[in-house]
Structures are given as structure tokens and as C-alpha cells.
N, C-alpha and C. Protein backbone atom coordinates (compact mmCIF):
# COMPACT_ATOMS: atom_id res chain seq x y z
N MET A 1 4.45 -25.84 -32.19
CA MET A 1 4.57 -25.26 -30.86
C MET A 1 5.93 -25.58 -30.28
N ASP A 2 6.58 -24.59 -29.74
CA ASP A 2 7.86 -24.76 -29.08
C ASP A 2 7.59 -25.21 -27.65
N PHE A 3 7.85 -26.47 -27.36
CA PHE A 3 7.54 -27.00 -26.04
C PHE A 3 8.43 -26.39 -24.96
N ALA A 4 9.52 -25.76 -25.36
CA ALA A 4 10.33 -25.04 -24.37
C ALA A 4 9.54 -23.88 -23.79
N ALA A 5 8.62 -23.33 -24.57
CA ALA A 5 7.78 -22.23 -24.07
C ALA A 5 6.92 -22.70 -22.90
N ILE A 6 6.47 -23.94 -22.96
CA ILE A 6 5.67 -24.50 -21.86
C ILE A 6 6.52 -24.60 -20.60
N GLN A 7 7.75 -25.03 -20.76
CA GLN A 7 8.66 -25.10 -19.61
C GLN A 7 8.92 -23.69 -19.07
N ASP A 8 9.01 -22.71 -19.96
CA ASP A 8 9.21 -21.32 -19.52
C ASP A 8 8.03 -20.85 -18.68
N ILE A 9 6.82 -21.20 -19.10
CA ILE A 9 5.63 -20.80 -18.34
C ILE A 9 5.68 -21.42 -16.95
N HIS A 10 6.03 -22.70 -16.89
CA HIS A 10 6.13 -23.34 -15.58
C HIS A 10 7.24 -22.70 -14.74
N SER A 11 8.35 -22.36 -15.37
CA SER A 11 9.44 -21.71 -14.66
C SER A 11 8.99 -20.37 -14.09
N ILE A 12 8.19 -19.63 -14.87
CA ILE A 12 7.67 -18.35 -14.37
C ILE A 12 6.82 -18.58 -13.13
N LYS A 13 5.96 -19.59 -13.18
CA LYS A 13 5.09 -19.87 -12.03
C LYS A 13 5.93 -20.25 -10.81
N ARG A 14 6.97 -21.06 -11.02
CA ARG A 14 7.81 -21.45 -9.88
C ARG A 14 8.57 -20.24 -9.34
N GLN A 15 8.98 -19.33 -10.22
CA GLN A 15 9.65 -18.13 -9.76
C GLN A 15 8.71 -17.26 -8.95
N ILE A 16 7.45 -17.16 -9.39
CA ILE A 16 6.46 -16.40 -8.62
C ILE A 16 6.31 -17.03 -7.24
N ASN A 17 6.21 -18.35 -7.19
CA ASN A 17 6.08 -19.03 -5.90
C ASN A 17 7.27 -18.74 -5.00
N ALA A 18 8.48 -18.83 -5.56
CA ALA A 18 9.68 -18.59 -4.77
C ALA A 18 9.77 -17.13 -4.34
N HIS A 19 9.46 -16.22 -5.24
CA HIS A 19 9.57 -14.79 -4.96
C HIS A 19 8.54 -14.34 -3.94
N LYS A 20 7.33 -14.81 -4.07
CA LYS A 20 6.24 -14.38 -3.19
C LYS A 20 6.15 -15.22 -1.92
N GLY A 21 6.92 -16.31 -1.82
CA GLY A 21 6.90 -17.12 -0.62
C GLY A 21 5.69 -18.01 -0.50
N HIS A 22 5.09 -18.38 -1.62
CA HIS A 22 3.89 -19.22 -1.59
C HIS A 22 4.25 -20.69 -1.72
N ARG A 23 5.11 -21.16 -0.86
CA ARG A 23 5.51 -22.57 -0.93
C ARG A 23 4.56 -23.46 -0.12
N THR A 24 3.76 -22.90 0.71
CA THR A 24 2.83 -23.68 1.51
C THR A 24 1.41 -23.17 1.30
N LYS A 25 0.45 -24.02 1.61
CA LYS A 25 -0.95 -23.66 1.45
C LYS A 25 -1.59 -23.42 2.81
N ALA A 26 -1.15 -22.45 3.52
CA ALA A 26 -1.79 -22.10 4.77
C ALA A 26 -3.08 -21.37 4.43
N ILE A 27 -4.06 -21.47 5.28
CA ILE A 27 -5.30 -20.74 5.07
C ILE A 27 -5.11 -19.27 5.45
N LEU A 28 -4.59 -19.03 6.64
CA LEU A 28 -4.44 -17.66 7.13
C LEU A 28 -3.47 -16.87 6.25
N GLY A 29 -3.98 -15.80 5.64
CA GLY A 29 -3.15 -14.93 4.83
C GLY A 29 -2.82 -15.46 3.44
N HIS A 30 -3.33 -16.63 3.07
CA HIS A 30 -3.00 -17.22 1.76
C HIS A 30 -3.54 -16.36 0.63
N ASP A 31 -2.74 -16.19 -0.41
CA ASP A 31 -3.16 -15.44 -1.59
C ASP A 31 -3.83 -16.42 -2.55
N ILE A 32 -5.15 -16.28 -2.70
CA ILE A 32 -5.89 -17.24 -3.51
C ILE A 32 -5.76 -16.98 -5.01
N LYS A 33 -5.10 -15.90 -5.37
CA LYS A 33 -4.88 -15.62 -6.79
C LYS A 33 -3.57 -16.23 -7.26
N VAL A 34 -2.46 -15.87 -6.63
CA VAL A 34 -1.16 -16.36 -7.11
C VAL A 34 -0.55 -17.42 -6.20
N GLY A 35 -1.18 -17.72 -5.09
CA GLY A 35 -0.66 -18.74 -4.18
C GLY A 35 -0.89 -20.14 -4.73
N ARG A 36 -0.26 -21.10 -4.11
CA ARG A 36 -0.40 -22.50 -4.54
C ARG A 36 -1.86 -22.91 -4.50
N GLY A 37 -2.27 -23.61 -5.57
CA GLY A 37 -3.64 -24.06 -5.65
C GLY A 37 -4.62 -22.95 -5.96
N GLY A 38 -4.10 -21.82 -6.45
CA GLY A 38 -4.93 -20.65 -6.66
C GLY A 38 -5.41 -20.45 -8.09
N ILE A 39 -6.01 -19.32 -8.30
CA ILE A 39 -6.64 -18.97 -9.57
C ILE A 39 -5.64 -18.98 -10.72
N ARG A 40 -4.45 -18.45 -10.51
CA ARG A 40 -3.45 -18.40 -11.59
C ARG A 40 -3.04 -19.79 -12.06
N GLU A 41 -2.96 -20.75 -11.16
CA GLU A 41 -2.60 -22.10 -11.59
C GLU A 41 -3.65 -22.68 -12.52
N ILE A 42 -4.92 -22.38 -12.27
CA ILE A 42 -5.99 -22.85 -13.15
C ILE A 42 -5.85 -22.17 -14.51
N GLU A 43 -5.62 -20.87 -14.50
CA GLU A 43 -5.46 -20.13 -15.75
C GLU A 43 -4.24 -20.61 -16.52
N PHE A 44 -3.12 -20.82 -15.84
CA PHE A 44 -1.92 -21.33 -16.50
C PHE A 44 -2.19 -22.71 -17.10
N TYR A 45 -2.90 -23.54 -16.36
CA TYR A 45 -3.20 -24.89 -16.85
C TYR A 45 -3.94 -24.79 -18.19
N ALA A 46 -5.00 -24.02 -18.22
CA ALA A 46 -5.80 -23.89 -19.45
C ALA A 46 -4.98 -23.27 -20.57
N GLN A 47 -4.23 -22.23 -20.27
CA GLN A 47 -3.49 -21.52 -21.30
C GLN A 47 -2.37 -22.35 -21.90
N THR A 48 -1.67 -23.12 -21.08
CA THR A 48 -0.61 -23.95 -21.65
C THR A 48 -1.18 -25.02 -22.57
N GLN A 49 -2.31 -25.59 -22.21
CA GLN A 49 -2.93 -26.60 -23.08
C GLN A 49 -3.43 -25.96 -24.38
N GLN A 50 -3.92 -24.74 -24.29
CA GLN A 50 -4.33 -24.02 -25.50
C GLN A 50 -3.11 -23.74 -26.38
N LEU A 51 -1.98 -23.38 -25.78
CA LEU A 51 -0.77 -23.14 -26.57
C LEU A 51 -0.31 -24.41 -27.28
N ILE A 52 -0.39 -25.51 -26.60
CA ILE A 52 0.07 -26.77 -27.18
C ILE A 52 -0.85 -27.23 -28.31
N PHE A 53 -2.15 -27.23 -28.07
CA PHE A 53 -3.08 -27.85 -29.00
C PHE A 53 -3.89 -26.87 -29.85
N GLY A 54 -3.96 -25.62 -29.45
CA GLY A 54 -4.82 -24.65 -30.13
C GLY A 54 -4.29 -24.16 -31.47
N GLY A 55 -3.01 -24.33 -31.71
CA GLY A 55 -2.45 -23.89 -32.99
C GLY A 55 -3.05 -24.63 -34.16
N LEU A 56 -3.31 -25.91 -33.97
CA LEU A 56 -3.86 -26.73 -35.05
C LEU A 56 -5.37 -26.90 -34.95
N ASP A 57 -5.94 -26.57 -33.82
CA ASP A 57 -7.38 -26.78 -33.62
C ASP A 57 -8.02 -25.50 -33.09
N SER A 58 -8.64 -24.73 -33.98
CA SER A 58 -9.21 -23.44 -33.60
C SER A 58 -10.35 -23.57 -32.60
N ARG A 59 -10.93 -24.75 -32.44
CA ARG A 59 -12.01 -24.94 -31.47
C ARG A 59 -11.52 -24.79 -30.04
N LEU A 60 -10.21 -24.84 -29.83
CA LEU A 60 -9.63 -24.75 -28.49
C LEU A 60 -9.22 -23.33 -28.11
N ARG A 61 -9.51 -22.38 -28.95
CA ARG A 61 -9.05 -21.00 -28.73
C ARG A 61 -10.10 -20.13 -28.05
N SER A 62 -10.67 -20.61 -26.99
CA SER A 62 -11.65 -19.84 -26.22
C SER A 62 -10.93 -18.82 -25.35
N ALA A 63 -11.55 -17.66 -25.18
CA ALA A 63 -10.93 -16.60 -24.40
C ALA A 63 -11.03 -16.84 -22.89
N GLY A 64 -12.16 -17.32 -22.41
CA GLY A 64 -12.34 -17.52 -20.98
C GLY A 64 -11.73 -18.81 -20.48
N THR A 65 -11.31 -18.80 -19.24
CA THR A 65 -10.68 -19.98 -18.64
C THR A 65 -11.62 -21.18 -18.61
N CYS A 66 -12.83 -20.99 -18.13
CA CYS A 66 -13.77 -22.12 -18.04
C CYS A 66 -14.16 -22.63 -19.42
N ALA A 67 -14.38 -21.71 -20.36
CA ALA A 67 -14.72 -22.12 -21.74
C ALA A 67 -13.55 -22.89 -22.36
N ALA A 68 -12.33 -22.47 -22.07
CA ALA A 68 -11.15 -23.16 -22.59
C ALA A 68 -11.06 -24.57 -22.02
N LEU A 69 -11.28 -24.70 -20.72
CA LEU A 69 -11.23 -26.02 -20.08
C LEU A 69 -12.32 -26.94 -20.65
N GLU A 70 -13.52 -26.39 -20.85
CA GLU A 70 -14.61 -27.18 -21.42
C GLU A 70 -14.25 -27.67 -22.82
N ALA A 71 -13.69 -26.78 -23.65
CA ALA A 71 -13.31 -27.15 -25.02
C ALA A 71 -12.19 -28.18 -25.01
N LEU A 72 -11.21 -28.00 -24.15
CA LEU A 72 -10.10 -28.95 -24.07
C LEU A 72 -10.61 -30.35 -23.70
N ALA A 73 -11.59 -30.42 -22.81
CA ALA A 73 -12.16 -31.71 -22.43
C ALA A 73 -13.04 -32.26 -23.54
N GLU A 74 -13.88 -31.41 -24.12
CA GLU A 74 -14.79 -31.85 -25.17
C GLU A 74 -14.05 -32.46 -26.36
N PHE A 75 -12.90 -31.90 -26.70
CA PHE A 75 -12.16 -32.38 -27.86
C PHE A 75 -11.00 -33.30 -27.49
N GLY A 76 -11.06 -33.85 -26.27
CA GLY A 76 -10.15 -34.93 -25.87
C GLY A 76 -8.73 -34.54 -25.54
N ARG A 77 -8.48 -33.28 -25.23
CA ARG A 77 -7.12 -32.86 -24.92
C ARG A 77 -6.80 -32.96 -23.43
N ILE A 78 -7.82 -32.89 -22.59
CA ILE A 78 -7.65 -33.16 -21.16
C ILE A 78 -8.83 -34.04 -20.73
N GLU A 79 -8.66 -34.71 -19.61
CA GLU A 79 -9.74 -35.56 -19.11
C GLU A 79 -10.90 -34.70 -18.61
N MET A 80 -12.12 -35.18 -18.82
CA MET A 80 -13.31 -34.44 -18.40
C MET A 80 -13.30 -34.19 -16.89
N CYS A 81 -12.84 -35.18 -16.10
CA CYS A 81 -12.84 -35.00 -14.65
C CYS A 81 -11.90 -33.87 -14.23
N ILE A 82 -10.81 -33.66 -14.96
CA ILE A 82 -9.89 -32.56 -14.66
C ILE A 82 -10.57 -31.23 -14.96
N ALA A 83 -11.25 -31.16 -16.10
CA ALA A 83 -11.97 -29.93 -16.46
C ALA A 83 -13.03 -29.61 -15.40
N VAL A 84 -13.78 -30.60 -14.99
CA VAL A 84 -14.83 -30.40 -13.98
C VAL A 84 -14.21 -29.92 -12.66
N ASP A 85 -13.14 -30.57 -12.22
CA ASP A 85 -12.45 -30.16 -10.98
C ASP A 85 -11.98 -28.71 -11.06
N LEU A 86 -11.30 -28.37 -12.16
CA LEU A 86 -10.72 -27.04 -12.28
C LEU A 86 -11.78 -25.96 -12.45
N ILE A 87 -12.85 -26.26 -13.17
CA ILE A 87 -13.94 -25.28 -13.32
C ILE A 87 -14.63 -25.06 -11.98
N SER A 88 -14.86 -26.13 -11.24
CA SER A 88 -15.49 -26.00 -9.91
C SER A 88 -14.60 -25.19 -8.98
N ALA A 89 -13.31 -25.49 -8.98
CA ALA A 89 -12.37 -24.76 -8.13
C ALA A 89 -12.28 -23.29 -8.56
N TYR A 90 -12.26 -23.04 -9.85
CA TYR A 90 -12.19 -21.67 -10.36
C TYR A 90 -13.40 -20.86 -9.90
N SER A 91 -14.57 -21.45 -10.02
CA SER A 91 -15.80 -20.79 -9.60
C SER A 91 -15.77 -20.49 -8.10
N PHE A 92 -15.36 -21.48 -7.31
CA PHE A 92 -15.30 -21.31 -5.86
C PHE A 92 -14.29 -20.23 -5.48
N LEU A 93 -13.09 -20.30 -6.05
CA LEU A 93 -12.04 -19.35 -5.69
C LEU A 93 -12.39 -17.93 -6.14
N ARG A 94 -13.04 -17.79 -7.28
CA ARG A 94 -13.48 -16.47 -7.72
C ARG A 94 -14.54 -15.91 -6.77
N ARG A 95 -15.42 -16.79 -6.30
CA ARG A 95 -16.43 -16.37 -5.33
C ARG A 95 -15.78 -15.89 -4.04
N VAL A 96 -14.78 -16.64 -3.58
CA VAL A 96 -14.02 -16.22 -2.38
C VAL A 96 -13.36 -14.87 -2.63
N GLU A 97 -12.73 -14.74 -3.79
CA GLU A 97 -12.06 -13.48 -4.14
C GLU A 97 -13.04 -12.31 -4.12
N HIS A 98 -14.20 -12.48 -4.70
CA HIS A 98 -15.19 -11.40 -4.73
C HIS A 98 -15.67 -11.03 -3.33
N HIS A 99 -15.87 -12.03 -2.49
CA HIS A 99 -16.28 -11.74 -1.11
C HIS A 99 -15.16 -11.03 -0.33
N LEU A 100 -13.92 -11.44 -0.55
CA LEU A 100 -12.79 -10.77 0.09
C LEU A 100 -12.77 -9.29 -0.29
N GLN A 101 -13.02 -9.01 -1.55
CA GLN A 101 -12.95 -7.64 -2.03
C GLN A 101 -14.13 -6.80 -1.56
N MET A 102 -15.24 -7.45 -1.25
CA MET A 102 -16.40 -6.71 -0.75
C MET A 102 -16.27 -6.34 0.72
N ILE A 103 -15.47 -7.08 1.47
CA ILE A 103 -15.38 -6.85 2.92
C ILE A 103 -14.97 -5.42 3.23
N ASP A 104 -13.85 -4.98 2.70
CA ASP A 104 -13.38 -3.62 2.97
C ASP A 104 -13.31 -2.79 1.69
N ASP A 105 -14.01 -3.23 0.65
CA ASP A 105 -14.01 -2.55 -0.64
C ASP A 105 -12.58 -2.30 -1.11
N GLN A 106 -11.77 -3.39 -1.07
CA GLN A 106 -10.37 -3.30 -1.47
C GLN A 106 -10.07 -4.36 -2.53
N GLN A 107 -9.10 -4.05 -3.39
CA GLN A 107 -8.64 -5.00 -4.40
C GLN A 107 -7.62 -5.92 -3.72
N THR A 108 -8.10 -7.00 -3.12
CA THR A 108 -7.22 -7.92 -2.40
C THR A 108 -7.49 -9.34 -2.86
N HIS A 109 -6.49 -10.18 -2.66
CA HIS A 109 -6.63 -11.60 -2.98
C HIS A 109 -6.16 -12.47 -1.81
N SER A 110 -5.82 -11.83 -0.73
CA SER A 110 -5.30 -12.55 0.44
C SER A 110 -6.40 -12.81 1.45
N LEU A 111 -6.42 -14.04 1.93
CA LEU A 111 -7.35 -14.40 2.99
C LEU A 111 -6.97 -13.66 4.26
N PRO A 112 -7.92 -13.45 5.16
CA PRO A 112 -7.59 -12.80 6.44
C PRO A 112 -6.47 -13.54 7.16
N LYS A 113 -5.71 -12.81 7.94
CA LYS A 113 -4.57 -13.38 8.66
C LYS A 113 -4.94 -13.91 10.03
N SER A 114 -6.20 -13.77 10.42
CA SER A 114 -6.63 -14.26 11.73
C SER A 114 -7.76 -15.26 11.57
N ASP A 115 -7.89 -16.14 12.57
CA ASP A 115 -8.99 -17.11 12.55
C ASP A 115 -10.34 -16.39 12.56
N HIS A 116 -10.42 -15.31 13.33
CA HIS A 116 -11.66 -14.54 13.38
C HIS A 116 -12.03 -14.00 11.99
N GLY A 117 -11.04 -13.49 11.27
CA GLY A 117 -11.27 -12.96 9.94
C GLY A 117 -11.74 -14.03 8.96
N VAL A 118 -11.11 -15.21 9.02
CA VAL A 118 -11.51 -16.32 8.14
C VAL A 118 -12.92 -16.78 8.50
N ASN A 119 -13.22 -16.85 9.80
CA ASN A 119 -14.56 -17.24 10.22
C ASN A 119 -15.61 -16.24 9.75
N SER A 120 -15.28 -14.95 9.81
CA SER A 120 -16.20 -13.92 9.33
C SER A 120 -16.42 -14.04 7.82
N LEU A 121 -15.36 -14.33 7.08
CA LEU A 121 -15.47 -14.55 5.64
C LEU A 121 -16.38 -15.74 5.35
N ALA A 122 -16.21 -16.81 6.10
CA ALA A 122 -17.04 -18.01 5.92
C ALA A 122 -18.52 -17.68 6.12
N ILE A 123 -18.82 -16.94 7.16
CA ILE A 123 -20.21 -16.54 7.43
C ILE A 123 -20.72 -15.65 6.30
N PHE A 124 -19.90 -14.71 5.85
CA PHE A 124 -20.28 -13.81 4.77
C PHE A 124 -20.58 -14.59 3.48
N MET A 125 -19.89 -15.71 3.30
CA MET A 125 -20.12 -16.53 2.11
C MET A 125 -21.29 -17.49 2.28
N GLY A 126 -21.93 -17.46 3.44
CA GLY A 126 -23.12 -18.28 3.64
C GLY A 126 -22.89 -19.58 4.37
N TYR A 127 -21.69 -19.79 4.87
CA TYR A 127 -21.39 -21.01 5.62
C TYR A 127 -21.91 -20.86 7.05
N THR A 128 -22.60 -21.87 7.54
CA THR A 128 -23.01 -21.86 8.95
C THR A 128 -21.94 -22.54 9.80
N ASP A 129 -21.10 -23.31 9.16
CA ASP A 129 -20.00 -24.01 9.83
C ASP A 129 -18.69 -23.51 9.23
N GLN A 130 -17.93 -22.74 10.01
CA GLN A 130 -16.69 -22.16 9.50
C GLN A 130 -15.67 -23.22 9.12
N GLU A 131 -15.68 -24.34 9.84
CA GLU A 131 -14.73 -25.41 9.53
C GLU A 131 -15.04 -26.01 8.15
N ALA A 132 -16.30 -26.06 7.78
CA ALA A 132 -16.69 -26.56 6.46
C ALA A 132 -16.11 -25.68 5.36
N PHE A 133 -16.07 -24.37 5.60
CA PHE A 133 -15.47 -23.45 4.64
C PHE A 133 -13.98 -23.76 4.47
N ARG A 134 -13.29 -23.93 5.59
CA ARG A 134 -11.86 -24.24 5.54
C ARG A 134 -11.60 -25.56 4.81
N VAL A 135 -12.44 -26.55 5.05
CA VAL A 135 -12.29 -27.85 4.39
C VAL A 135 -12.50 -27.68 2.88
N ASP A 136 -13.57 -26.99 2.49
CA ASP A 136 -13.84 -26.77 1.06
C ASP A 136 -12.69 -26.03 0.40
N LEU A 137 -12.22 -24.97 1.04
CA LEU A 137 -11.12 -24.18 0.49
C LEU A 137 -9.87 -25.03 0.32
N SER A 138 -9.52 -25.81 1.34
CA SER A 138 -8.34 -26.67 1.26
C SER A 138 -8.48 -27.73 0.18
N GLU A 139 -9.67 -28.30 0.07
CA GLU A 139 -9.88 -29.34 -0.95
C GLU A 139 -9.77 -28.76 -2.36
N TYR A 140 -10.38 -27.60 -2.59
CA TYR A 140 -10.28 -27.00 -3.92
C TYR A 140 -8.84 -26.62 -4.26
N MET A 141 -8.13 -26.02 -3.31
CA MET A 141 -6.74 -25.65 -3.58
C MET A 141 -5.89 -26.90 -3.80
N GLY A 142 -6.18 -27.97 -3.07
CA GLY A 142 -5.46 -29.22 -3.26
C GLY A 142 -5.69 -29.82 -4.64
N LEU A 143 -6.95 -29.79 -5.11
CA LEU A 143 -7.26 -30.28 -6.46
C LEU A 143 -6.49 -29.50 -7.51
N VAL A 144 -6.51 -28.19 -7.38
CA VAL A 144 -5.82 -27.34 -8.35
C VAL A 144 -4.33 -27.65 -8.33
N GLU A 145 -3.76 -27.69 -7.16
CA GLU A 145 -2.33 -27.95 -7.04
C GLU A 145 -1.96 -29.30 -7.63
N ASP A 146 -2.76 -30.32 -7.37
CA ASP A 146 -2.48 -31.66 -7.90
C ASP A 146 -2.55 -31.69 -9.42
N HIS A 147 -3.59 -31.10 -10.00
CA HIS A 147 -3.72 -31.10 -11.46
C HIS A 147 -2.62 -30.26 -12.10
N TYR A 148 -2.32 -29.15 -11.51
CA TYR A 148 -1.26 -28.29 -12.03
C TYR A 148 0.09 -29.00 -11.97
N ALA A 149 0.38 -29.63 -10.85
CA ALA A 149 1.65 -30.35 -10.70
C ALA A 149 1.74 -31.50 -11.70
N GLY A 150 0.63 -32.18 -11.95
CA GLY A 150 0.62 -33.27 -12.91
C GLY A 150 0.93 -32.82 -14.32
N LEU A 151 0.58 -31.59 -14.62
CA LEU A 151 0.82 -31.04 -15.95
C LEU A 151 2.31 -30.86 -16.21
N PHE A 152 3.07 -30.58 -15.16
CA PHE A 152 4.49 -30.27 -15.31
C PHE A 152 5.39 -31.24 -14.55
N GLU A 153 5.02 -32.50 -14.50
CA GLU A 153 5.80 -33.47 -13.72
C GLU A 153 7.24 -33.59 -14.19
N GLU A 154 7.49 -33.37 -15.48
CA GLU A 154 8.83 -33.55 -16.01
C GLU A 154 9.60 -32.25 -16.18
N ALA A 155 9.15 -31.20 -15.51
CA ALA A 155 9.83 -29.91 -15.63
C ALA A 155 11.23 -29.98 -15.04
N PRO A 156 12.22 -29.37 -15.70
CA PRO A 156 13.58 -29.36 -15.15
C PRO A 156 13.63 -28.49 -13.90
N PRO A 157 14.62 -28.74 -13.03
CA PRO A 157 14.72 -27.94 -11.82
C PRO A 157 15.03 -26.49 -12.16
N LEU A 158 14.57 -25.60 -11.31
CA LEU A 158 14.79 -24.17 -11.49
C LEU A 158 16.22 -23.86 -11.09
N SER A 159 17.00 -23.27 -12.01
CA SER A 159 18.41 -23.06 -11.73
C SER A 159 18.69 -21.82 -10.90
N SER A 160 17.82 -20.82 -11.00
CA SER A 160 18.03 -19.63 -10.18
C SER A 160 16.67 -19.01 -9.87
N SER A 161 16.69 -18.04 -8.98
CA SER A 161 15.42 -17.43 -8.59
C SER A 161 14.86 -16.51 -9.65
N GLY A 162 15.67 -16.11 -10.62
CA GLY A 162 15.17 -15.27 -11.70
C GLY A 162 15.01 -13.83 -11.25
N ASN A 163 14.55 -13.03 -12.18
CA ASN A 163 14.36 -11.61 -11.93
C ASN A 163 12.93 -11.28 -12.30
N LEU A 164 12.06 -11.17 -11.31
CA LEU A 164 10.65 -10.97 -11.57
C LEU A 164 10.27 -9.51 -11.49
N VAL A 165 10.07 -8.89 -12.62
CA VAL A 165 9.57 -7.54 -12.68
C VAL A 165 8.54 -7.53 -13.79
N PHE A 166 7.30 -7.92 -13.44
CA PHE A 166 6.24 -8.04 -14.42
C PHE A 166 5.30 -6.85 -14.42
N THR A 167 5.18 -6.16 -13.31
CA THR A 167 4.12 -5.18 -13.15
C THR A 167 4.45 -3.82 -13.71
N GLY A 168 5.71 -3.51 -13.85
CA GLY A 168 6.09 -2.19 -14.28
C GLY A 168 6.12 -1.19 -13.14
N THR A 169 5.73 -1.61 -11.95
CA THR A 169 5.74 -0.70 -10.80
C THR A 169 7.05 -0.77 -10.03
N ASP A 170 7.80 -1.86 -10.21
CA ASP A 170 9.08 -2.00 -9.53
C ASP A 170 10.20 -1.87 -10.55
N ASP A 171 11.29 -1.21 -10.15
CA ASP A 171 12.44 -1.11 -11.02
C ASP A 171 13.11 -2.46 -11.14
N ASP A 172 13.67 -2.72 -12.30
CA ASP A 172 14.44 -3.93 -12.52
C ASP A 172 15.76 -3.77 -11.77
N PRO A 173 16.04 -4.66 -10.81
CA PRO A 173 17.27 -4.51 -10.02
C PRO A 173 18.53 -4.50 -10.88
N ARG A 174 18.53 -5.27 -11.97
CA ARG A 174 19.71 -5.30 -12.83
C ARG A 174 19.91 -3.95 -13.52
N GLN A 175 18.83 -3.29 -13.92
CA GLN A 175 18.95 -1.98 -14.54
C GLN A 175 19.49 -0.96 -13.55
N TRP A 176 19.06 -1.06 -12.30
CA TRP A 176 19.52 -0.14 -11.28
C TRP A 176 21.03 -0.30 -11.08
N ILE A 177 21.50 -1.54 -11.04
CA ILE A 177 22.94 -1.78 -10.87
C ILE A 177 23.70 -1.22 -12.07
N LEU A 178 23.17 -1.44 -13.29
CA LEU A 178 23.80 -0.91 -14.48
C LEU A 178 23.83 0.62 -14.43
N TYR A 179 22.73 1.22 -14.00
CA TYR A 179 22.64 2.68 -13.90
C TYR A 179 23.67 3.21 -12.90
N VAL A 180 23.78 2.57 -11.76
CA VAL A 180 24.74 2.99 -10.74
C VAL A 180 26.14 2.86 -11.29
N ASP A 181 26.42 1.75 -11.99
CA ASP A 181 27.74 1.51 -12.55
C ASP A 181 28.07 2.59 -13.58
N LEU A 182 27.12 2.88 -14.48
CA LEU A 182 27.34 3.92 -15.49
C LEU A 182 27.50 5.28 -14.84
N ASP A 183 26.70 5.55 -13.83
CA ASP A 183 26.77 6.83 -13.13
C ASP A 183 28.14 6.99 -12.46
N LEU A 184 28.63 5.92 -11.86
CA LEU A 184 29.95 5.99 -11.24
C LEU A 184 31.04 6.23 -12.27
N ARG A 185 30.93 5.56 -13.44
CA ARG A 185 31.92 5.77 -14.49
C ARG A 185 31.89 7.21 -14.98
N THR A 186 30.69 7.74 -15.18
CA THR A 186 30.56 9.12 -15.62
C THR A 186 31.15 10.06 -14.60
N HIS A 187 30.81 9.78 -13.34
CA HIS A 187 31.29 10.61 -12.25
C HIS A 187 32.81 10.54 -12.17
N GLN A 188 33.37 9.34 -12.32
CA GLN A 188 34.82 9.17 -12.26
C GLN A 188 35.49 9.91 -13.40
N SER A 189 34.94 9.80 -14.63
CA SER A 189 35.59 10.46 -15.76
C SER A 189 35.52 11.98 -15.64
N SER A 190 34.47 12.50 -15.00
CA SER A 190 34.37 13.95 -14.84
C SER A 190 35.35 14.44 -13.76
N LEU A 191 35.74 13.54 -12.84
CA LEU A 191 36.70 13.91 -11.81
C LEU A 191 38.12 13.94 -12.36
N LEU A 192 38.37 13.15 -13.39
CA LEU A 192 39.73 13.06 -13.94
C LEU A 192 40.02 14.21 -14.78
């Protein structure tokens, strides 16, 4: 396994954080999928450990995130308490995500931007005390963030913000600049 690939994965996550502005864990408007302490950090955690150890041990090559975490713990690659924390957080955050998407029948991962909206979500999820929902959410995101950060404690600093075009829906800014430059050259040569 090329351990530089693991650093690349962490660099991608840090670039996502910098690009999307998810440097803080506010409740209002927080993206529970790609935000700090979110679903993607749990998935990245499991996947990087599978990349490191799964090449030599086929028992670690589970497709699902929770199954991967269970296997990693069972075969001594991560601590059992970490697997339990991350599986619990994953289950909770997925439940929040599903409830968010049921509210307005939209594909969303962002918590409501108002206290009223968060309180309504808490009630919809079965909480009688909205503050208890906020506490649970903060604790789960904190656990995820702590375990994820521990995985990459020795990561080198990010040298630049990078160029994030993963979805295919946005043009690559560098290609656009190249296109404009080539277009100008073509235009200039046709004028001469």
C-alpha cells in the first residue's frame, strides 16, 4: 500500500472542508454529510483503514461502512470502542439525514438554518426535548471528528486550496482559463 495515498485522501477531505466552508460545527445549517463530524468522515475513516490493511487480509474488504468498521475491530486493526462510536454515530447521522429528506421530500443533507426548523426536526425524530437532540447531535459529530482527526494526526499541512471538481457538474476553472487562452490565440492569429 502506498501510504502517500492515505495522505491524499486526507488532503481531499481538508480541501472539501476549506472549499465548502465547513471549518466549524454549528448546528444551524450544518451539512451532516460532508461537514465536520459528518457521514463522509466516518466513511473515509473505514475506507482508509481498508486500503491500508485490506490488501493482505481479504476479511477486511466489506462493502458497507458499518460492516467494514466491525471487521476492522474484529481483526484488531482498530479499537473496538472506535468501531462502536463510529457505527453509532453513522446510524444516528443517517437517521437525521433520512428525516431531513422526508421533511420537504428533497435530497438535502443540511440541517435547518433556524432554531424553529431544528426544533421541528427534533420533534419529527421523536425527541420530546429539543435540547437533547442538539446535545446528541453535537456529541456524535464530536466523536466522529475526534476519531477522524486521530487517524491523520501526522498529516502534512495543506499547501494550497486545490481544485475541487468532483461532480462533473461544474467546469474545471483551469480548463476554462486554458480554453479562453487558446480562444484568444486563435482569435489573434485570425486577425493577423
